[in-house]
Amino acid sequence: MNGYRFDRLKILVVDDNQHMRKLVVTILQAFGAIQIFEASDGERAWAILRDANPDVILLDWQMDGMNGLEFARMVRTSPNSPNPFLPIIMLTGHTHVDHVRQARDAGVNEFLAKPVSVKAIFTRLISVIEHPRPFVRTKSYFGPCRRRRPNDEYRGPERRTGAEGTTALDDSPVAASK
């Protein structure tokens, strides 16, 4: 598919629904992915994250115990996180705009509504590979830049370029290549 080598990616799929995990894994295998790790909850996913060092996470929102938002925040902000810059694609049936904002504010890179399709998963993977957003650190947030479109007109006190207390960090750990 478009010359991408998904066989080079290590992908962690986290979903408490075994059927959804199997569907996502099957789609990823169809793309050529070989190194796919599965977890049914956030605690198991954290252990896999630390041991396997994946390149991308596909993460369900609604899970018992640690939910997807809590897991995403932990990846971004825990001092024990092995890679706070790791691309996270949130999978969820909760698609209200408030849920999208909550995921964005937890540091999720991409949002994908269930039921998922082959094209939607492919599009999100390509997005985190080809268009990684710079990471931003403020007093209350660390994660990918939440702004999808440049806004050169904004001149307020929180302007990132040169603004005190904010830092744009550009780091893209995704290992897939064309």
Protein backbone atom coordinates (compact mmCIF):
# COMPACT_ATOMS: atom_id res chain seq x y z
CA MET A 1 0.00 0.00 0.00
CA ASN A 2 1.69 3.16 -1.21
CA GLY A 3 5.13 1.66 -0.59
CA TYR A 4 4.93 1.77 3.22
CA ARG A 5 6.81 -0.87 5.15
CA PHE A 6 4.41 -1.61 7.99
CA ASP A 7 6.48 -4.70 8.73
CA ARG A 8 8.95 -2.34 10.40
CA LEU A 9 6.39 -0.91 12.82
CA LYS A 10 5.80 -2.23 16.31
CA ILE A 11 2.13 -1.60 17.08
CA LEU A 12 0.34 -1.96 20.40
CA VAL A 13 -3.44 -2.56 20.21
CA VAL A 14 -5.27 -1.93 23.48
CA ASP A 15 -8.95 -2.82 23.69
CA ASP A 16 -10.92 -4.79 26.27
CA ASN A 17 -13.15 -6.23 23.55
CA GLN A 18 -11.44 -9.33 22.16
CA HIS A 19 -13.40 -9.17 18.89
CA MET A 20 -12.42 -5.54 18.25
CA ARG A 21 -8.77 -6.34 19.01
CA LYS A 22 -8.88 -9.24 16.57
CA LEU A 23 -10.46 -7.04 13.88
CA VAL A 24 -7.82 -4.32 14.31
CA VAL A 25 -4.98 -6.87 14.38
CA THR A 26 -6.31 -8.52 11.21
CA ILE A 27 -6.43 -5.15 9.44
CA LEU A 28 -2.88 -4.33 10.57
CA GLN A 29 -1.67 -7.72 9.35
CA ALA A 30 -3.28 -7.02 5.98
CA PHE A 31 -1.10 -3.87 5.83
CA GLY A 32 1.94 -6.08 6.38
CA ALA A 33 2.44 -5.39 10.10
CA ILE A 34 4.19 -8.25 11.85
CA GLN A 35 5.10 -6.94 15.29
CA ILE A 36 1.68 -6.44 16.85
CA PHE A 37 1.21 -6.54 20.60
CA GLU A 38 -2.19 -6.86 22.25
CA ALA A 39 -3.51 -5.81 25.65
CA SER A 40 -6.99 -6.02 27.10
CA ASP A 41 -6.51 -3.28 29.70
CA GLY A 42 -4.35 -0.31 30.56
CA GLU A 43 -2.26 -2.09 33.18
CA ARG A 44 -1.22 -4.84 30.74
CA ALA A 45 -0.65 -2.24 28.03
CA TRP A 46 1.70 -0.31 30.35
CA ALA A 47 3.78 -3.44 30.90
CA ILE A 48 3.94 -4.13 27.14
CA LEU A 49 4.80 -0.48 26.47
CA ARG A 50 7.77 -0.71 28.79
CA ASP A 51 8.96 -4.08 27.44
CA ALA A 52 8.24 -3.85 23.69
CA ASN A 53 8.76 -0.11 23.03
CA PRO A 54 6.09 0.13 20.30
CA ASP A 55 6.11 2.79 17.58
CA VAL A 56 2.33 3.42 17.62
CA ILE A 57 -0.56 2.67 19.98
CA LEU A 58 -4.15 2.05 18.88
CA LEU A 59 -6.05 2.60 22.12
CA ASP A 60 -9.68 2.04 23.10
CA TRP A 61 -11.29 4.68 25.29
CA GLN A 62 -13.76 2.65 27.34
CA MET A 63 -12.05 -0.08 29.38
CA ASP A 64 -12.41 -1.39 32.92
CA GLY A 65 -9.76 -0.24 35.33
CA MET A 66 -7.54 2.32 33.63
CA ASN A 67 -9.45 3.79 30.69
CA GLY A 68 -7.86 5.03 27.48
CA LEU A 69 -7.73 8.67 28.56
CA GLU A 70 -5.93 7.78 31.79
CA PHE A 71 -3.51 5.58 29.86
CA ALA A 72 -2.80 8.33 27.30
CA ARG A 73 -2.13 10.84 30.11
CA MET A 74 0.19 8.35 31.77
CA VAL A 75 2.15 7.81 28.54
CA ARG A 76 2.52 11.58 28.14
CA THR A 77 3.23 12.67 31.72
CA SER A 78 4.48 9.79 33.88
CA PRO A 79 8.14 10.06 34.84
CA ASN A 80 8.25 6.27 34.20
CA SER A 81 6.97 6.59 30.62
CA PRO A 82 9.46 5.03 28.22
CA ASN A 83 8.35 7.30 25.37
CA PRO A 84 6.11 10.32 26.04
CA PHE A 85 6.27 11.22 22.31
CA LEU A 86 4.68 7.94 21.19
CA PRO A 87 1.87 8.41 18.64
CA ILE A 88 -1.51 7.42 20.09
CA ILE A 89 -4.59 6.75 17.97
CA MET A 90 -7.77 6.66 20.07
CA LEU A 91 -10.48 4.19 19.00
CA THR A 92 -13.92 4.81 20.46
CA GLY A 93 -17.62 4.72 19.93
CA HIS A 94 -17.90 7.96 21.92
CA THR A 95 -17.75 10.52 19.12
CA HIS A 96 -19.41 13.57 20.63
CA VAL A 97 -17.29 16.69 20.21
CA ASP A 98 -16.66 16.78 23.98
CA HIS A 99 -15.11 13.31 23.79
CA VAL A 100 -12.90 14.34 20.89
CA ARG A 101 -11.71 17.35 22.93
CA GLN A 102 -11.06 15.20 25.99
CA ALA A 103 -8.96 12.81 23.91
CA ARG A 104 -7.08 15.72 22.35
CA ASP A 105 -6.47 17.22 25.79
CA ALA A 106 -5.15 13.88 27.07
CA GLY A 107 -2.45 13.99 24.38
CA VAL A 108 -3.98 11.71 21.75
CA ASN A 109 -2.61 12.27 18.24
CA GLU A 110 -5.54 10.94 16.21
CA PHE A 111 -9.16 10.03 16.91
CA LEU A 112 -10.94 7.15 15.20
CA ALA A 113 -14.66 6.42 15.59
CA LYS A 114 -15.92 2.87 15.87
CA PRO A 115 -16.93 0.95 13.92
CA VAL A 116 -13.53 1.20 12.27
CA SER A 117 -12.78 0.60 8.62
CA VAL A 118 -9.63 -0.48 6.83
CA LYS A 119 -9.38 2.93 5.15
CA ALA A 120 -9.83 4.83 8.43
CA ILE A 121 -7.09 2.88 10.21
CA PHE A 122 -4.76 3.27 7.24
CA THR A 123 -5.46 7.02 7.06
CA ARG A 124 -4.71 7.53 10.77
CA LEU A 125 -1.50 5.51 10.61
CA ILE A 126 -0.31 7.48 7.61
CA SER A 127 -1.24 10.71 9.39
CA VAL A 128 1.01 9.99 12.39
CA ILE A 129 3.80 8.88 10.05
CA GLU A 130 3.68 11.60 7.38
CA HIS A 131 2.32 14.51 9.41
CA PRO A 132 3.62 14.23 12.95
CA ARG A 133 2.60 17.25 14.95
CA PRO A 134 5.21 18.99 17.08
CA PHE A 135 4.89 18.41 20.80
CA VAL A 136 4.04 21.27 23.11
CA ARG A 137 4.70 21.67 26.83
CA THR A 138 2.73 24.23 28.83
CA LYS A 139 1.85 24.52 32.50
CA SER A 140 -1.21 22.34 32.03
CA TYR A 141 -0.54 20.22 28.91
CA PHE A 142 2.08 18.03 27.29
CA GLY A 143 1.43 16.35 23.99
CA PRO A 144 1.03 16.90 20.27
CA CYS A 145 0.10 20.41 19.24
CA ARG A 146 -3.68 20.61 19.51
CA ARG A 147 -3.93 23.09 16.66
CA ARG A 148 -4.48 21.38 13.34
CA ARG A 149 -4.43 24.55 11.26
CA PRO A 150 -1.91 27.35 11.50
CA ASN A 151 -3.35 30.55 12.91
CA ASP A 152 -0.92 33.34 12.12
CA GLU A 153 -3.49 35.95 13.15
CA TYR A 154 -3.39 35.07 16.87
CA ARG A 155 -1.21 37.53 18.80
CA GLY A 156 -2.37 36.85 22.39
CA PRO A 157 -0.24 36.25 25.49
CA GLU A 158 -0.13 32.47 24.98
CA ARG A 159 1.35 32.66 21.47
CA ARG A 160 3.77 29.74 21.25
CA THR A 161 6.53 31.32 19.22
CA GLY A 162 8.75 32.88 21.86
CA ALA A 163 6.02 32.87 24.49
CA GLU A 164 7.36 32.44 27.98
CA GLY A 165 6.27 29.20 29.64
CA THR A 166 5.52 27.34 26.43
CA THR A 167 7.81 25.18 24.42
CA ALA A 168 7.31 23.54 21.07
CA LEU A 169 9.20 20.27 20.86
CA ASP A 170 9.64 18.56 17.50
CA ASP A 171 10.27 14.85 17.94
CA SER A 172 8.92 12.13 15.68
CA PRO A 173 9.72 8.57 16.79
CA VAL A 174 7.68 6.74 14.17
CA ALA A 175 9.88 4.16 12.47
CA ALA A 176 7.93 3.42 9.31
CA SER A 177 9.46 4.54 6.08
CA LYS A 178 8.48 4.77 2.46
